[in-house]
N, C-alpha and C. Protein backbone atom coordinates (compact mmCIF):
# COMPACT_ATOMS: atom_id res chain seq x y z
N MET A 1 0.83 -1.19 0.00
CA MET A 1 -0.01 0.00 -0.02
C MET A 1 0.88 1.24 0.01
N GLY A 2 0.73 2.15 -1.00
CA GLY A 2 1.57 3.29 -1.11
C GLY A 2 1.10 4.43 -0.24
N PHE A 3 1.89 5.53 -0.33
CA PHE A 3 1.56 6.74 0.47
C PHE A 3 0.20 7.26 0.10
N TYR A 4 -0.14 7.30 -1.20
CA TYR A 4 -1.47 7.82 -1.56
C TYR A 4 -2.61 7.01 -0.91
N ASN A 5 -2.53 5.69 -0.98
CA ASN A 5 -3.59 4.84 -0.40
C ASN A 5 -3.65 4.91 1.11
N ARG A 6 -2.47 5.09 1.73
CA ARG A 6 -2.44 5.17 3.20
C ARG A 6 -2.91 6.45 3.75
N HIS A 7 -2.55 7.59 3.10
CA HIS A 7 -2.75 8.88 3.75
C HIS A 7 -3.67 9.81 2.97
N ILE A 8 -3.54 9.84 1.68
CA ILE A 8 -4.31 10.87 0.90
C ILE A 8 -5.70 10.38 0.56
N MET A 9 -5.81 9.16 0.05
CA MET A 9 -7.13 8.61 -0.38
C MET A 9 -8.14 8.57 0.78
N PRO A 10 -7.78 8.03 1.96
CA PRO A 10 -8.80 8.03 3.06
C PRO A 10 -9.30 9.39 3.42
N ARG A 11 -8.40 10.39 3.49
CA ARG A 11 -8.83 11.75 3.80
C ARG A 11 -9.68 12.35 2.68
N MET A 12 -9.36 12.07 1.45
CA MET A 12 -10.11 12.60 0.32
C MET A 12 -11.53 11.98 0.34
N ILE A 13 -11.66 10.68 0.50
CA ILE A 13 -13.00 10.02 0.53
C ILE A 13 -13.78 10.50 1.74
N ASN A 14 -13.16 10.64 2.89
CA ASN A 14 -13.86 11.08 4.08
C ASN A 14 -14.39 12.52 3.85
N CYS A 15 -13.55 13.34 3.24
CA CYS A 15 -13.96 14.72 3.00
C CYS A 15 -15.15 14.81 2.02
N VAL A 16 -15.04 14.13 0.88
CA VAL A 16 -16.06 14.19 -0.19
C VAL A 16 -17.34 13.61 0.36
N CYS A 17 -17.27 12.44 0.98
CA CYS A 17 -18.51 11.71 1.40
C CYS A 17 -19.15 12.35 2.60
N SER A 18 -18.55 13.31 3.24
CA SER A 18 -19.21 14.03 4.35
C SER A 18 -19.83 15.34 3.86
N MET A 19 -19.80 15.61 2.58
CA MET A 19 -20.45 16.83 2.08
C MET A 19 -21.95 16.80 2.25
N GLY A 20 -22.56 17.99 2.20
CA GLY A 20 -23.97 18.12 2.55
C GLY A 20 -24.90 17.22 1.83
N GLN A 21 -24.75 17.05 0.50
CA GLN A 21 -25.68 16.22 -0.26
C GLN A 21 -25.64 14.78 0.18
N PHE A 22 -24.43 14.30 0.55
CA PHE A 22 -24.30 12.89 1.01
C PHE A 22 -24.93 12.74 2.41
N SER A 23 -24.73 13.79 3.22
CA SER A 23 -25.32 13.72 4.57
C SER A 23 -26.85 13.73 4.49
N ASP A 24 -27.37 14.57 3.55
CA ASP A 24 -28.81 14.59 3.34
C ASP A 24 -29.38 13.22 2.93
N GLN A 25 -28.62 12.55 2.06
CA GLN A 25 -29.04 11.22 1.60
C GLN A 25 -29.00 10.21 2.79
N ARG A 26 -27.96 10.28 3.57
CA ARG A 26 -27.85 9.36 4.72
C ARG A 26 -29.06 9.54 5.65
N GLN A 27 -29.43 10.81 5.80
CA GLN A 27 -30.53 11.09 6.77
C GLN A 27 -31.81 10.47 6.28
N LYS A 28 -31.96 10.19 4.99
CA LYS A 28 -33.16 9.56 4.51
C LYS A 28 -33.30 8.08 4.86
N ILE A 29 -32.12 7.39 5.12
CA ILE A 29 -32.18 5.97 5.28
C ILE A 29 -31.66 5.48 6.63
N VAL A 30 -30.60 6.07 7.13
CA VAL A 30 -29.97 5.53 8.37
C VAL A 30 -30.89 5.55 9.57
N PRO A 31 -31.73 6.58 9.81
CA PRO A 31 -32.56 6.64 11.00
C PRO A 31 -33.64 5.50 11.02
N ARG A 32 -33.79 4.77 9.91
CA ARG A 32 -34.76 3.71 9.87
C ARG A 32 -34.22 2.40 10.47
N ALA A 33 -32.94 2.36 10.75
CA ALA A 33 -32.30 1.19 11.31
C ALA A 33 -32.83 0.89 12.71
N GLU A 34 -32.90 -0.40 13.10
CA GLU A 34 -33.42 -0.80 14.38
C GLU A 34 -32.57 -1.93 14.96
N GLY A 35 -32.61 -2.02 16.31
CA GLY A 35 -32.04 -3.18 16.97
C GLY A 35 -30.50 -3.28 16.85
N LEU A 36 -30.06 -4.50 16.61
CA LEU A 36 -28.65 -4.77 16.37
C LEU A 36 -28.40 -4.52 14.86
N VAL A 37 -27.57 -3.59 14.56
CA VAL A 37 -27.29 -3.19 13.17
C VAL A 37 -25.90 -3.66 12.80
N VAL A 38 -25.84 -4.34 11.65
CA VAL A 38 -24.57 -4.59 11.05
C VAL A 38 -24.40 -3.67 9.87
N GLU A 39 -23.42 -2.81 9.92
CA GLU A 39 -23.21 -1.82 8.87
C GLU A 39 -21.99 -2.25 7.99
N ILE A 40 -22.28 -2.51 6.72
CA ILE A 40 -21.24 -3.00 5.81
C ILE A 40 -20.56 -1.75 5.20
N GLY A 41 -19.23 -1.73 5.33
CA GLY A 41 -18.48 -0.58 4.81
C GLY A 41 -18.57 0.62 5.71
N ILE A 42 -18.38 0.43 7.04
CA ILE A 42 -18.61 1.52 7.96
C ILE A 42 -17.57 2.67 7.72
N GLY A 43 -16.44 2.35 7.11
CA GLY A 43 -15.46 3.40 6.80
C GLY A 43 -15.07 4.25 7.96
N SER A 44 -15.26 5.56 7.77
CA SER A 44 -14.87 6.54 8.86
C SER A 44 -16.07 6.87 9.71
N GLY A 45 -17.13 6.08 9.68
CA GLY A 45 -18.28 6.33 10.54
C GLY A 45 -19.21 7.45 10.15
N LEU A 46 -19.33 7.76 8.89
CA LEU A 46 -20.14 8.90 8.48
C LEU A 46 -21.62 8.69 8.74
N ASN A 47 -22.06 7.46 8.94
CA ASN A 47 -23.49 7.18 9.25
C ASN A 47 -23.76 7.34 10.73
N LEU A 48 -22.76 7.28 11.56
CA LEU A 48 -22.99 7.25 13.00
C LEU A 48 -23.86 8.37 13.57
N PRO A 49 -23.68 9.66 13.16
CA PRO A 49 -24.53 10.71 13.64
C PRO A 49 -25.99 10.59 13.28
N HIS A 50 -26.30 9.75 12.30
CA HIS A 50 -27.67 9.65 11.80
C HIS A 50 -28.51 8.50 12.44
N TYR A 51 -27.85 7.69 13.23
CA TYR A 51 -28.64 6.59 13.85
C TYR A 51 -29.55 7.19 14.97
N ASP A 52 -30.70 6.54 15.10
CA ASP A 52 -31.63 6.90 16.16
C ASP A 52 -31.29 6.04 17.39
N ALA A 53 -30.68 6.67 18.39
CA ALA A 53 -30.25 5.89 19.60
C ALA A 53 -31.39 5.32 20.36
N GLY A 54 -32.59 5.79 20.15
CA GLY A 54 -33.75 5.22 20.77
C GLY A 54 -34.19 3.88 20.14
N LYS A 55 -33.74 3.59 18.98
CA LYS A 55 -34.11 2.37 18.24
C LYS A 55 -32.96 1.41 18.07
N VAL A 56 -31.74 1.89 18.10
CA VAL A 56 -30.58 1.03 17.81
C VAL A 56 -29.84 0.83 19.11
N HIS A 57 -29.50 -0.42 19.48
CA HIS A 57 -28.74 -0.69 20.71
C HIS A 57 -27.29 -1.00 20.48
N LYS A 58 -26.93 -1.27 19.24
CA LYS A 58 -25.49 -1.52 18.91
C LYS A 58 -25.31 -1.53 17.42
N VAL A 59 -24.12 -1.06 16.99
CA VAL A 59 -23.70 -1.11 15.58
C VAL A 59 -22.43 -1.89 15.47
N ILE A 60 -22.43 -2.91 14.66
CA ILE A 60 -21.19 -3.66 14.31
C ILE A 60 -20.84 -3.26 12.91
N GLY A 61 -19.68 -2.60 12.77
CA GLY A 61 -19.25 -2.17 11.45
C GLY A 61 -18.29 -3.17 10.85
N VAL A 62 -18.50 -3.45 9.58
CA VAL A 62 -17.66 -4.38 8.83
C VAL A 62 -16.89 -3.62 7.80
N ASP A 63 -15.59 -3.57 7.86
CA ASP A 63 -14.74 -2.82 6.93
C ASP A 63 -13.30 -3.21 7.06
N PRO A 64 -12.64 -3.48 5.92
CA PRO A 64 -11.26 -3.92 6.00
C PRO A 64 -10.21 -2.78 6.11
N ASP A 65 -10.68 -1.52 5.93
CA ASP A 65 -9.79 -0.38 5.76
C ASP A 65 -9.45 0.25 7.14
N GLU A 66 -8.28 -0.10 7.62
CA GLU A 66 -7.87 0.46 8.97
C GLU A 66 -7.65 1.94 8.95
N GLN A 67 -7.18 2.44 7.81
CA GLN A 67 -6.92 3.91 7.69
C GLN A 67 -8.23 4.73 7.74
N MET A 68 -9.26 4.21 7.07
CA MET A 68 -10.56 4.88 7.11
C MET A 68 -11.12 4.84 8.51
N TRP A 69 -11.00 3.73 9.13
CA TRP A 69 -11.50 3.62 10.55
C TRP A 69 -10.81 4.60 11.46
N LYS A 70 -9.50 4.73 11.36
CA LYS A 70 -8.77 5.72 12.13
C LYS A 70 -9.24 7.14 11.86
N ALA A 71 -9.57 7.41 10.57
CA ALA A 71 -10.01 8.75 10.23
C ALA A 71 -11.34 9.12 10.90
N GLY A 72 -12.11 8.11 11.31
CA GLY A 72 -13.39 8.35 11.96
C GLY A 72 -13.34 8.25 13.47
N HIS A 73 -12.18 8.32 14.03
CA HIS A 73 -12.01 8.11 15.50
C HIS A 73 -13.00 9.00 16.31
N ASN A 74 -13.06 10.27 15.99
CA ASN A 74 -13.92 11.18 16.73
C ASN A 74 -15.41 10.88 16.61
N ARG A 75 -15.85 10.43 15.45
CA ARG A 75 -17.23 10.06 15.28
C ARG A 75 -17.56 8.85 16.12
N VAL A 76 -16.67 7.90 16.24
CA VAL A 76 -16.91 6.72 17.03
C VAL A 76 -16.97 7.14 18.48
N ARG A 77 -16.04 7.97 18.90
CA ARG A 77 -16.02 8.46 20.32
C ARG A 77 -17.27 9.20 20.68
N LEU A 78 -17.84 9.94 19.80
CA LEU A 78 -19.02 10.73 20.12
C LEU A 78 -20.33 10.01 19.77
N SER A 79 -20.25 8.82 19.27
CA SER A 79 -21.49 8.14 18.82
C SER A 79 -22.42 7.90 20.03
N ALA A 80 -23.72 8.10 19.77
CA ALA A 80 -24.73 7.90 20.79
C ALA A 80 -25.07 6.44 20.95
N VAL A 81 -24.58 5.59 20.06
CA VAL A 81 -24.85 4.14 20.17
C VAL A 81 -23.49 3.45 20.23
N PRO A 82 -23.38 2.31 20.93
CA PRO A 82 -22.12 1.57 21.02
C PRO A 82 -21.71 1.08 19.60
N VAL A 83 -20.43 1.15 19.29
CA VAL A 83 -19.92 0.75 18.01
C VAL A 83 -18.74 -0.13 18.16
N GLU A 84 -18.65 -1.20 17.35
CA GLU A 84 -17.46 -2.02 17.25
C GLU A 84 -17.20 -2.32 15.80
N ARG A 85 -15.98 -2.67 15.47
CA ARG A 85 -15.59 -2.90 14.09
C ARG A 85 -15.02 -4.29 13.92
N VAL A 86 -15.42 -4.90 12.78
CA VAL A 86 -14.81 -6.14 12.36
C VAL A 86 -13.99 -5.84 11.06
N GLY A 87 -12.70 -6.13 11.12
CA GLY A 87 -11.82 -5.67 10.03
C GLY A 87 -11.71 -6.63 8.87
N LEU A 88 -12.83 -6.98 8.28
CA LEU A 88 -12.85 -7.82 7.10
C LEU A 88 -13.82 -7.23 6.05
N SER A 89 -13.76 -7.76 4.81
CA SER A 89 -14.57 -7.22 3.77
C SER A 89 -15.97 -7.83 3.84
N GLY A 90 -16.94 -7.24 3.06
CA GLY A 90 -18.31 -7.73 3.11
C GLY A 90 -18.52 -9.11 2.55
N GLU A 91 -17.52 -9.58 1.73
CA GLU A 91 -17.70 -10.88 1.15
C GLU A 91 -17.46 -12.04 2.22
N GLN A 92 -16.85 -11.66 3.32
CA GLN A 92 -16.55 -12.66 4.39
C GLN A 92 -16.88 -12.03 5.71
N ILE A 93 -18.17 -12.13 6.12
CA ILE A 93 -18.60 -11.51 7.37
C ILE A 93 -18.54 -12.53 8.49
N PRO A 94 -17.61 -12.36 9.44
CA PRO A 94 -17.44 -13.39 10.50
C PRO A 94 -18.46 -13.25 11.61
N LEU A 95 -19.71 -13.27 11.25
CA LEU A 95 -20.77 -13.12 12.21
C LEU A 95 -21.74 -14.29 12.05
N ASP A 96 -22.53 -14.57 13.09
CA ASP A 96 -23.42 -15.77 13.06
C ASP A 96 -24.61 -15.47 12.12
N LYS A 97 -25.18 -16.55 11.65
CA LYS A 97 -26.36 -16.54 10.86
C LYS A 97 -27.54 -15.98 11.65
N ASN A 98 -28.38 -15.21 11.05
CA ASN A 98 -29.65 -14.73 11.61
C ASN A 98 -29.39 -13.93 12.95
N MET A 99 -28.39 -13.03 12.92
CA MET A 99 -28.12 -12.32 14.15
C MET A 99 -28.42 -10.84 14.12
N ALA A 100 -28.59 -10.28 12.94
CA ALA A 100 -28.77 -8.81 12.80
C ALA A 100 -30.29 -8.51 12.58
N ASP A 101 -30.75 -7.47 13.26
CA ASP A 101 -32.09 -6.97 13.02
C ASP A 101 -32.16 -6.13 11.74
N THR A 102 -31.04 -5.38 11.55
CA THR A 102 -30.93 -4.54 10.36
C THR A 102 -29.55 -4.69 9.77
N VAL A 103 -29.44 -4.76 8.46
CA VAL A 103 -28.16 -4.63 7.78
C VAL A 103 -28.22 -3.34 7.00
N LEU A 104 -27.19 -2.51 7.12
CA LEU A 104 -27.16 -1.24 6.46
C LEU A 104 -25.90 -1.20 5.56
N VAL A 105 -26.10 -0.76 4.32
CA VAL A 105 -24.96 -0.58 3.42
C VAL A 105 -25.18 0.71 2.67
N THR A 106 -24.20 1.64 2.79
CA THR A 106 -24.32 2.95 2.11
C THR A 106 -22.99 3.25 1.38
N TYR A 107 -23.13 3.54 0.16
CA TYR A 107 -21.97 3.95 -0.72
C TYR A 107 -20.81 2.96 -0.55
N SER A 108 -21.10 1.72 -0.50
CA SER A 108 -20.06 0.69 -0.33
C SER A 108 -20.10 -0.41 -1.39
N LEU A 109 -21.26 -0.74 -1.91
CA LEU A 109 -21.32 -1.75 -2.96
C LEU A 109 -20.47 -1.44 -4.13
N CYS A 110 -20.16 -0.12 -4.36
CA CYS A 110 -19.40 0.25 -5.45
C CYS A 110 -17.93 -0.22 -5.36
N THR A 111 -17.44 -0.44 -4.15
CA THR A 111 -16.02 -0.78 -3.94
C THR A 111 -15.76 -2.26 -3.65
N ILE A 112 -16.81 -2.96 -3.22
CA ILE A 112 -16.60 -4.39 -2.89
C ILE A 112 -16.35 -5.18 -4.16
N PRO A 113 -15.25 -5.90 -4.25
CA PRO A 113 -14.94 -6.59 -5.50
C PRO A 113 -16.05 -7.49 -6.02
N ASP A 114 -16.63 -8.32 -5.11
CA ASP A 114 -17.73 -9.21 -5.50
C ASP A 114 -18.99 -8.79 -4.74
N ALA A 115 -19.71 -7.82 -5.30
CA ALA A 115 -20.82 -7.25 -4.61
C ALA A 115 -21.97 -8.29 -4.37
N VAL A 116 -22.19 -9.22 -5.29
CA VAL A 116 -23.20 -10.21 -5.13
C VAL A 116 -22.90 -11.12 -3.96
N ALA A 117 -21.62 -11.55 -3.87
CA ALA A 117 -21.23 -12.37 -2.74
C ALA A 117 -21.43 -11.67 -1.43
N ALA A 118 -21.13 -10.39 -1.37
CA ALA A 118 -21.31 -9.61 -0.18
C ALA A 118 -22.75 -9.53 0.18
N LEU A 119 -23.61 -9.28 -0.78
CA LEU A 119 -25.06 -9.19 -0.54
C LEU A 119 -25.62 -10.50 -0.06
N MET A 120 -25.10 -11.63 -0.53
CA MET A 120 -25.50 -12.92 -0.05
C MET A 120 -25.12 -13.14 1.41
N GLU A 121 -23.93 -12.66 1.78
CA GLU A 121 -23.51 -12.70 3.18
C GLU A 121 -24.43 -11.86 4.08
N MET A 122 -24.86 -10.71 3.55
CA MET A 122 -25.75 -9.87 4.28
C MET A 122 -27.12 -10.60 4.55
N ARG A 123 -27.56 -11.36 3.55
CA ARG A 123 -28.76 -12.18 3.75
C ARG A 123 -28.57 -13.20 4.84
N ARG A 124 -27.37 -13.81 4.87
CA ARG A 124 -27.10 -14.91 5.81
C ARG A 124 -27.18 -14.41 7.25
N ILE A 125 -26.66 -13.20 7.49
CA ILE A 125 -26.62 -12.71 8.87
C ILE A 125 -27.91 -12.02 9.33
N LEU A 126 -28.82 -11.79 8.42
CA LEU A 126 -30.05 -11.04 8.82
C LEU A 126 -31.07 -11.97 9.43
N LYS A 127 -31.70 -11.54 10.50
CA LYS A 127 -32.75 -12.32 11.08
C LYS A 127 -33.96 -12.43 10.18
N PRO A 128 -34.77 -13.52 10.27
CA PRO A 128 -36.00 -13.59 9.55
C PRO A 128 -36.89 -12.39 9.87
N GLY A 129 -37.36 -11.70 8.91
CA GLY A 129 -38.20 -10.53 9.09
C GLY A 129 -37.39 -9.26 9.22
N GLY A 130 -36.04 -9.35 9.22
CA GLY A 130 -35.19 -8.17 9.25
C GLY A 130 -35.15 -7.47 7.91
N ARG A 131 -34.47 -6.30 7.88
CA ARG A 131 -34.44 -5.52 6.68
C ARG A 131 -33.01 -5.16 6.28
N LEU A 132 -32.76 -5.11 5.03
CA LEU A 132 -31.60 -4.45 4.43
C LEU A 132 -31.95 -3.07 4.04
N LEU A 133 -31.20 -2.10 4.57
CA LEU A 133 -31.38 -0.71 4.17
C LEU A 133 -30.18 -0.39 3.30
N PHE A 134 -30.42 0.23 2.15
CA PHE A 134 -29.31 0.51 1.22
C PHE A 134 -29.41 1.93 0.68
N LEU A 135 -28.24 2.49 0.40
CA LEU A 135 -28.09 3.80 -0.21
C LEU A 135 -26.78 3.72 -1.06
N GLU A 136 -26.93 3.75 -2.38
CA GLU A 136 -25.78 3.54 -3.22
C GLU A 136 -25.87 4.44 -4.44
N HIS A 137 -24.70 4.76 -4.99
CA HIS A 137 -24.69 5.39 -6.34
C HIS A 137 -24.48 4.23 -7.34
N GLY A 138 -24.96 4.49 -8.58
CA GLY A 138 -24.82 3.37 -9.53
C GLY A 138 -25.15 3.80 -10.91
N ALA A 139 -25.60 2.81 -11.69
CA ALA A 139 -25.87 3.00 -13.14
C ALA A 139 -26.97 4.05 -13.35
N ALA A 140 -26.67 5.01 -14.19
CA ALA A 140 -27.65 6.06 -14.55
C ALA A 140 -28.67 5.54 -15.52
N PRO A 141 -29.83 6.17 -15.58
CA PRO A 141 -30.83 5.64 -16.54
C PRO A 141 -30.59 5.99 -18.00
N GLU A 142 -29.82 7.07 -18.26
CA GLU A 142 -29.55 7.47 -19.64
C GLU A 142 -28.36 6.72 -20.20
N GLU A 143 -28.47 6.22 -21.37
CA GLU A 143 -27.34 5.52 -22.01
C GLU A 143 -26.15 6.37 -22.17
N SER A 144 -26.36 7.67 -22.52
CA SER A 144 -25.19 8.60 -22.66
C SER A 144 -24.38 8.70 -21.37
N VAL A 145 -25.03 8.75 -20.23
CA VAL A 145 -24.32 8.86 -18.97
C VAL A 145 -23.66 7.50 -18.60
N ARG A 146 -24.32 6.43 -18.90
CA ARG A 146 -23.69 5.11 -18.64
C ARG A 146 -22.43 4.96 -19.53
N LYS A 147 -22.42 5.50 -20.72
CA LYS A 147 -21.19 5.40 -21.51
C LYS A 147 -20.02 6.13 -20.84
N TRP A 148 -20.40 7.31 -20.24
CA TRP A 148 -19.30 8.08 -19.50
C TRP A 148 -18.90 7.30 -18.24
N GLN A 149 -19.84 6.64 -17.59
CA GLN A 149 -19.46 5.84 -16.45
C GLN A 149 -18.47 4.75 -16.84
N ALA A 150 -18.71 4.13 -17.97
CA ALA A 150 -17.78 3.09 -18.44
C ALA A 150 -16.42 3.68 -18.82
N ARG A 151 -16.41 4.87 -19.39
CA ARG A 151 -15.16 5.50 -19.76
C ARG A 151 -14.25 5.88 -18.65
N ILE A 152 -14.92 6.38 -17.58
CA ILE A 152 -14.14 6.91 -16.46
C ILE A 152 -13.73 5.82 -15.48
N ASP A 153 -14.42 4.68 -15.46
CA ASP A 153 -14.17 3.65 -14.47
C ASP A 153 -12.69 3.24 -14.30
N PRO A 154 -11.95 2.96 -15.35
CA PRO A 154 -10.54 2.53 -15.15
C PRO A 154 -9.74 3.49 -14.33
N VAL A 155 -9.90 4.80 -14.59
CA VAL A 155 -9.16 5.80 -13.80
C VAL A 155 -9.76 6.01 -12.44
N TRP A 156 -11.10 6.13 -12.43
CA TRP A 156 -11.80 6.40 -11.15
C TRP A 156 -11.52 5.35 -10.14
N LYS A 157 -11.49 4.05 -10.52
CA LYS A 157 -11.22 2.98 -9.58
C LYS A 157 -9.83 3.13 -8.94
N ARG A 158 -8.88 3.62 -9.68
CA ARG A 158 -7.53 3.77 -9.15
C ARG A 158 -7.41 4.91 -8.12
N ILE A 159 -8.13 5.95 -8.37
CA ILE A 159 -8.01 7.10 -7.43
C ILE A 159 -9.04 7.07 -6.30
N ALA A 160 -10.02 6.25 -6.43
CA ALA A 160 -11.12 6.28 -5.42
C ALA A 160 -11.33 4.93 -4.70
N GLY A 161 -10.24 4.25 -4.48
CA GLY A 161 -10.34 3.05 -3.67
C GLY A 161 -11.08 1.90 -4.24
N GLY A 162 -11.07 1.76 -5.57
CA GLY A 162 -11.77 0.65 -6.21
C GLY A 162 -13.22 0.90 -6.53
N CYS A 163 -13.67 2.16 -6.36
CA CYS A 163 -15.04 2.50 -6.65
C CYS A 163 -15.43 2.32 -8.11
N HIS A 164 -16.54 1.63 -8.37
CA HIS A 164 -17.14 1.55 -9.70
C HIS A 164 -18.26 2.63 -9.81
N SER A 165 -18.21 3.35 -10.84
CA SER A 165 -19.16 4.52 -10.94
C SER A 165 -20.60 4.08 -11.39
N GLY A 166 -20.72 2.90 -12.04
CA GLY A 166 -22.04 2.59 -12.60
C GLY A 166 -22.54 1.23 -12.41
N ARG A 167 -22.43 0.67 -11.20
CA ARG A 167 -22.92 -0.68 -10.97
C ARG A 167 -24.48 -0.68 -10.93
N PRO A 168 -25.05 -1.76 -11.49
CA PRO A 168 -26.53 -1.84 -11.55
C PRO A 168 -27.12 -2.32 -10.26
N ILE A 169 -27.36 -1.40 -9.34
CA ILE A 169 -27.72 -1.75 -7.95
C ILE A 169 -28.96 -2.67 -7.84
N PRO A 170 -30.10 -2.34 -8.49
CA PRO A 170 -31.26 -3.19 -8.35
C PRO A 170 -30.98 -4.65 -8.78
N GLN A 171 -30.24 -4.78 -9.94
CA GLN A 171 -29.97 -6.12 -10.44
C GLN A 171 -29.06 -6.89 -9.51
N LEU A 172 -28.09 -6.24 -8.88
CA LEU A 172 -27.22 -6.88 -7.95
C LEU A 172 -27.98 -7.42 -6.77
N LEU A 173 -28.93 -6.59 -6.26
CA LEU A 173 -29.75 -7.04 -5.12
C LEU A 173 -30.54 -8.27 -5.49
N GLU A 174 -31.14 -8.27 -6.65
CA GLU A 174 -32.01 -9.40 -7.08
C GLU A 174 -31.14 -10.64 -7.35
N GLN A 175 -29.99 -10.44 -7.91
CA GLN A 175 -29.10 -11.62 -8.13
C GLN A 175 -28.75 -12.30 -6.83
N ALA A 176 -28.63 -11.54 -5.76
CA ALA A 176 -28.24 -12.11 -4.46
C ALA A 176 -29.43 -12.63 -3.66
N GLY A 177 -30.60 -12.55 -4.27
CA GLY A 177 -31.79 -13.16 -3.58
C GLY A 177 -32.59 -12.19 -2.77
N TRP A 178 -32.36 -10.89 -2.91
CA TRP A 178 -33.12 -9.90 -2.17
C TRP A 178 -34.39 -9.54 -2.91
N LYS A 179 -35.44 -9.24 -2.18
CA LYS A 179 -36.68 -8.73 -2.76
C LYS A 179 -36.81 -7.27 -2.35
N ILE A 180 -36.70 -6.35 -3.32
CA ILE A 180 -36.74 -4.95 -2.98
C ILE A 180 -38.18 -4.53 -2.62
N GLY A 181 -38.29 -4.03 -1.37
CA GLY A 181 -39.57 -3.62 -0.90
C GLY A 181 -39.97 -2.23 -1.31
N GLU A 182 -39.03 -1.34 -1.31
CA GLU A 182 -39.26 0.04 -1.73
C GLU A 182 -37.92 0.60 -2.17
N MET A 183 -37.95 1.46 -3.19
CA MET A 183 -36.73 2.04 -3.70
C MET A 183 -37.04 3.36 -4.39
N GLU A 184 -36.21 4.33 -4.08
CA GLU A 184 -36.24 5.60 -4.79
C GLU A 184 -34.91 5.76 -5.52
N GLN A 185 -34.95 6.56 -6.55
CA GLN A 185 -33.71 6.78 -7.33
C GLN A 185 -33.77 8.16 -7.98
N ALA A 186 -32.63 8.83 -7.97
CA ALA A 186 -32.54 10.20 -8.50
C ALA A 186 -31.12 10.65 -8.54
N TYR A 187 -30.86 11.68 -9.32
CA TYR A 187 -29.54 12.32 -9.29
C TYR A 187 -29.47 13.20 -8.02
N ILE A 188 -28.30 13.22 -7.38
CA ILE A 188 -27.99 14.27 -6.42
C ILE A 188 -27.03 15.21 -7.10
N SER A 189 -26.64 16.26 -6.42
CA SER A 189 -25.72 17.19 -7.02
C SER A 189 -24.33 16.59 -7.25
N GLY A 190 -23.67 17.03 -8.32
CA GLY A 190 -22.35 16.52 -8.63
C GLY A 190 -22.30 16.02 -10.08
N PRO A 191 -21.13 15.58 -10.53
CA PRO A 191 -20.98 15.12 -11.88
C PRO A 191 -21.96 13.95 -12.16
N LYS A 192 -22.70 14.00 -13.22
CA LYS A 192 -23.73 12.97 -13.49
C LYS A 192 -23.19 11.53 -13.42
N PRO A 193 -22.04 11.23 -13.95
CA PRO A 193 -21.59 9.80 -13.90
C PRO A 193 -21.38 9.29 -12.44
N LEU A 194 -21.35 10.17 -11.48
CA LEU A 194 -21.08 9.76 -10.10
C LEU A 194 -22.21 10.10 -9.19
N ALA A 195 -23.36 10.59 -9.78
CA ALA A 195 -24.36 11.20 -8.87
C ALA A 195 -25.71 10.53 -8.92
N TYR A 196 -25.86 9.36 -9.60
CA TYR A 196 -27.19 8.77 -9.65
C TYR A 196 -27.29 7.82 -8.42
N ASN A 197 -28.24 8.09 -7.57
CA ASN A 197 -28.45 7.38 -6.31
C ASN A 197 -29.68 6.45 -6.33
N TYR A 198 -29.52 5.31 -5.58
CA TYR A 198 -30.60 4.42 -5.28
C TYR A 198 -30.66 4.25 -3.79
N TRP A 199 -31.87 4.33 -3.22
CA TRP A 199 -32.01 4.07 -1.78
C TRP A 199 -33.34 3.47 -1.46
N GLY A 200 -33.37 2.61 -0.38
CA GLY A 200 -34.59 1.98 -0.03
C GLY A 200 -34.34 0.79 0.92
N SER A 201 -35.18 -0.19 0.86
CA SER A 201 -35.05 -1.36 1.73
C SER A 201 -35.41 -2.65 1.00
N ALA A 202 -34.94 -3.75 1.49
CA ALA A 202 -35.16 -5.02 0.87
C ALA A 202 -35.24 -6.11 1.96
N GLY A 203 -35.94 -7.18 1.60
CA GLY A 203 -36.03 -8.35 2.49
C GLY A 203 -35.61 -9.58 1.71
N VAL A 204 -35.63 -10.70 2.36
CA VAL A 204 -35.22 -11.97 1.74
C VAL A 204 -36.32 -12.43 0.83
N ALA A 205 -36.00 -12.70 -0.43
CA ALA A 205 -36.98 -13.11 -1.42
C ALA A 205 -37.57 -14.48 -1.08
């Protein structure tokens, strides 16, 4: 891991993803979490201020990036809910089957190498009747924008921690056996190839 990946990229991602439009998006989905929450891709803890401490009794964050976790030290310290981290990727979640009331994933499916495998792991750890809450950027509806997403991906992945700009979020959920209960989608502010968002909830199909 070079100097850029250790020191510059975590700060850049933390800064960009904490901007107002991202915070507004998080506020639409994170407060809906309940009980024991497993957050996939907790990163620097940008979701922590948005949890409803009256509904959530613990958050277990799954993320392999030690540098991002360190960047969120103050958010963890100030969190109104207890937080612990498991330092592995979403494709290998070392937690028991049927143990989470809520699984939350925000702006993380873009970077997980095998997103379908990770989504299947999320199904495994979710209790019967539990919910997956998701907020992701992904494939735009217009073909012209999708072409730009494909063009920028090789460079964007290198500078943004493996992020794919245009993954087909609904299709990935369905491939992994999720049934989408509700979903909204729209552009937020920013460059169009990086700004098309999907958010909502899903249960086991």
